[in-house]
Amino acid sequence: MAFVGLFILLRYQTGWWEWFEPFLTLLTLGTAVYVLYTQLRREWEEYLPNRLTVRFYYNGQEVMRCEKAYLANESDIRPLAQQIGMQMADNTQLKFKAPQVVISPPQLNQQERYIHYSAIIHLLELPSVCQKVYQERKVRVWREPFDEFQEEPIDA
């Protein structure tokens, strides 16, 4: 629409300021609308719930996974991941490579409306509860409603 107006002004051979001033005004308005949109979107994202998926690997094979656990704050990712692992291993203290805890950047899930984080933990020792799962090449999975664990093939 703005380009149509500029075309009309140029067609009547007006001075450059007569077409440049409306163009500059529209450009300023467009910038203000863009800034408003980004601010409103950022505020909306701040109030979305956070979810965390944690994957536990031993010798390159995934042995445990907790999907979409409630996360109160981004700073709670590592302690919550350790707590989840401990609960999945029947309250056994996990031994893992601390420098290799990988936390991914947050991703927005627009369909379910939450911010999703994920963490990967590489275990040094396999918890006893996962021995059978590891040998059968399965994954111990914990997901909502978080009542019980399930075993799934690795490819699932």
Protein backbone atom coordinates (compact mmCIF):
# COMPACT_ATOMS: atom_id res chain seq x y z
CA MET A 1 0.00 0.00 0.00
CA ALA A 2 2.85 2.36 0.82
CA PHE A 3 4.46 1.56 -2.51
CA VAL A 4 1.25 2.43 -4.34
CA GLY A 5 1.26 5.83 -2.65
CA LEU A 6 4.90 6.35 -3.58
CA PHE A 7 4.15 5.36 -7.17
CA ILE A 8 1.33 7.91 -7.36
CA LEU A 9 3.56 10.67 -5.95
CA LEU A 10 6.36 9.82 -8.39
CA ARG A 11 3.95 9.75 -11.33
CA TYR A 12 2.97 13.39 -10.80
CA GLN A 13 6.64 14.39 -10.76
CA THR A 14 6.64 15.98 -7.35
CA GLY A 15 9.76 17.06 -5.53
CA TRP A 16 11.88 14.47 -3.76
CA TRP A 17 10.92 15.71 -0.30
CA GLU A 18 7.20 15.27 -1.01
CA TRP A 19 7.63 11.53 -1.55
CA PHE A 20 10.55 11.01 0.82
CA GLU A 21 8.75 12.40 3.90
CA PRO A 22 5.78 9.94 3.73
CA PHE A 23 8.22 7.10 3.02
CA LEU A 24 10.30 8.02 6.09
CA THR A 25 7.13 8.27 8.20
CA LEU A 26 5.97 4.82 7.11
CA LEU A 27 9.45 3.39 7.75
CA THR A 28 9.42 4.84 11.28
CA LEU A 29 5.95 3.45 11.93
CA GLY A 30 7.01 0.03 10.63
CA THR A 31 10.04 0.01 12.93
CA ALA A 32 7.92 0.94 15.95
CA VAL A 33 5.40 -1.82 15.17
CA TYR A 34 8.26 -4.35 14.81
CA VAL A 35 9.79 -3.33 18.15
CA LEU A 36 6.37 -3.57 19.83
CA TYR A 37 5.80 -7.05 18.37
CA THR A 38 9.19 -8.37 19.52
CA GLN A 39 8.70 -6.96 23.04
CA LEU A 40 5.23 -8.49 23.37
CA ARG A 41 6.50 -11.84 22.09
CA ARG A 42 9.42 -11.81 24.56
CA GLU A 43 7.05 -11.04 27.45
CA TRP A 44 4.73 -13.85 26.32
CA GLU A 45 7.62 -16.35 26.18
CA GLU A 46 8.80 -15.38 29.69
CA TYR A 47 5.51 -16.58 31.17
CA LEU A 48 5.36 -19.91 29.34
CA PRO A 49 5.97 -23.04 31.42
CA ASN A 50 9.34 -24.77 31.13
CA ARG A 51 9.84 -28.48 30.43
CA LEU A 52 13.00 -30.59 30.61
CA THR A 53 13.94 -33.80 28.82
CA VAL A 54 16.98 -35.61 30.23
CA ARG A 55 18.83 -38.39 28.43
CA PHE A 56 21.36 -40.64 30.17
CA TYR A 57 24.00 -42.44 28.10
CA TYR A 58 26.38 -45.23 29.01
CA ASN A 59 29.08 -46.23 26.50
CA GLY A 60 27.29 -44.28 23.80
CA GLN A 61 23.95 -46.06 24.34
CA GLU A 62 20.93 -44.30 25.79
CA VAL A 63 19.82 -46.15 28.94
CA MET A 64 17.40 -43.74 30.64
CA ARG A 65 15.22 -40.84 29.51
CA CYS A 66 12.79 -38.56 31.29
CA GLU A 67 10.53 -36.59 28.97
CA LYS A 68 9.04 -33.16 29.61
CA ALA A 69 9.48 -32.91 33.36
CA TYR A 70 8.29 -29.64 34.93
CA LEU A 71 11.15 -27.15 35.27
CA ALA A 72 10.77 -24.17 37.57
CA ASN A 73 13.72 -22.16 36.29
CA GLU A 74 16.51 -22.45 33.75
CA SER A 75 19.09 -22.45 36.54
CA ASP A 76 17.54 -25.68 37.92
CA ILE A 77 18.36 -27.79 34.86
CA ARG A 78 21.48 -29.53 36.18
CA PRO A 79 20.25 -30.26 39.74
CA LEU A 80 16.87 -31.42 38.44
CA ALA A 81 18.54 -33.67 35.86
CA GLN A 82 20.64 -35.26 38.61
CA GLN A 83 17.58 -35.72 40.83
CA ILE A 84 15.60 -37.28 37.98
CA GLY A 85 18.47 -39.67 37.26
CA MET A 86 18.69 -40.65 40.89
CA GLN A 87 14.96 -41.37 41.04
CA MET A 88 15.09 -43.36 37.81
CA ALA A 89 18.00 -45.39 39.20
CA ASP A 90 16.03 -46.32 42.35
CA ASN A 91 17.72 -43.69 44.54
CA THR A 92 21.23 -44.75 43.57
CA GLN A 93 23.85 -42.02 43.37
CA LEU A 94 24.85 -41.60 39.73
CA LYS A 95 28.46 -41.34 38.65
CA PHE A 96 28.78 -39.22 35.53
CA LYS A 97 31.25 -37.12 33.63
CA ALA A 98 30.57 -33.65 35.02
CA PRO A 99 32.30 -31.73 32.22
CA GLN A 100 30.24 -33.63 29.64
CA VAL A 101 26.79 -32.62 30.83
CA VAL A 102 25.36 -31.07 27.69
CA ILE A 103 22.49 -28.61 28.04
CA SER A 104 20.86 -27.50 24.81
CA PRO A 105 19.52 -24.01 24.12
CA PRO A 106 15.80 -23.58 24.82
CA GLN A 107 13.30 -24.31 22.08
CA LEU A 108 9.78 -22.94 21.87
CA ASN A 109 7.03 -25.54 21.38
CA GLN A 110 4.23 -23.42 19.96
CA GLN A 111 1.69 -26.24 19.68
CA GLU A 112 1.80 -27.24 23.35
CA ARG A 113 2.93 -23.76 24.47
CA TYR A 114 6.01 -24.34 26.59
CA ILE A 115 9.75 -23.74 26.50
CA HIS A 116 11.63 -27.03 26.11
CA TYR A 117 15.12 -27.66 27.46
CA SER A 118 17.11 -30.84 27.13
CA ALA A 119 20.15 -32.23 28.88
CA ILE A 120 22.43 -35.16 28.09
CA ILE A 121 24.40 -36.88 30.84
CA HIS A 122 27.14 -39.44 30.16
CA LEU A 123 27.35 -42.03 32.94
CA LEU A 124 30.63 -43.52 34.12
CA GLU A 125 28.91 -46.48 35.80
CA LEU A 126 25.67 -48.17 34.84
CA PRO A 127 23.10 -48.22 37.67
CA SER A 128 22.10 -51.76 38.66
CA VAL A 129 18.48 -51.12 37.70
CA CYS A 130 19.61 -50.46 34.11
CA GLN A 131 21.75 -53.59 33.63
CA LYS A 132 18.95 -55.57 31.99
CA VAL A 133 17.80 -52.60 29.93
CA TYR A 134 21.34 -52.03 28.67
CA GLN A 135 21.85 -55.67 27.68
CA GLU A 136 18.51 -55.81 25.85
CA ARG A 137 19.34 -52.52 24.08
CA LYS A 138 16.29 -50.75 25.50
CA VAL A 139 15.70 -47.42 27.19
CA ARG A 140 14.09 -46.85 30.57
CA VAL A 141 11.58 -44.04 29.95
CA TRP A 142 9.72 -41.86 32.43
CA ARG A 143 7.02 -39.55 31.12
CA GLU A 144 3.83 -37.87 32.21
CA PRO A 145 1.94 -38.68 34.44
CA PHE A 146 5.25 -39.90 35.99
CA ASP A 147 3.64 -42.87 37.75
CA GLU A 148 5.80 -45.68 36.43
CA PHE A 149 8.77 -46.38 34.19
CA GLN A 150 8.47 -47.97 30.76
CA GLU A 151 11.00 -49.85 28.70
CA GLU A 152 11.19 -49.08 25.00
CA PRO A 153 13.48 -50.20 22.20
CA ILE A 154 16.27 -47.73 21.49
CA ASP A 155 14.92 -46.91 18.03
CA ALA A 156 11.45 -45.94 19.35
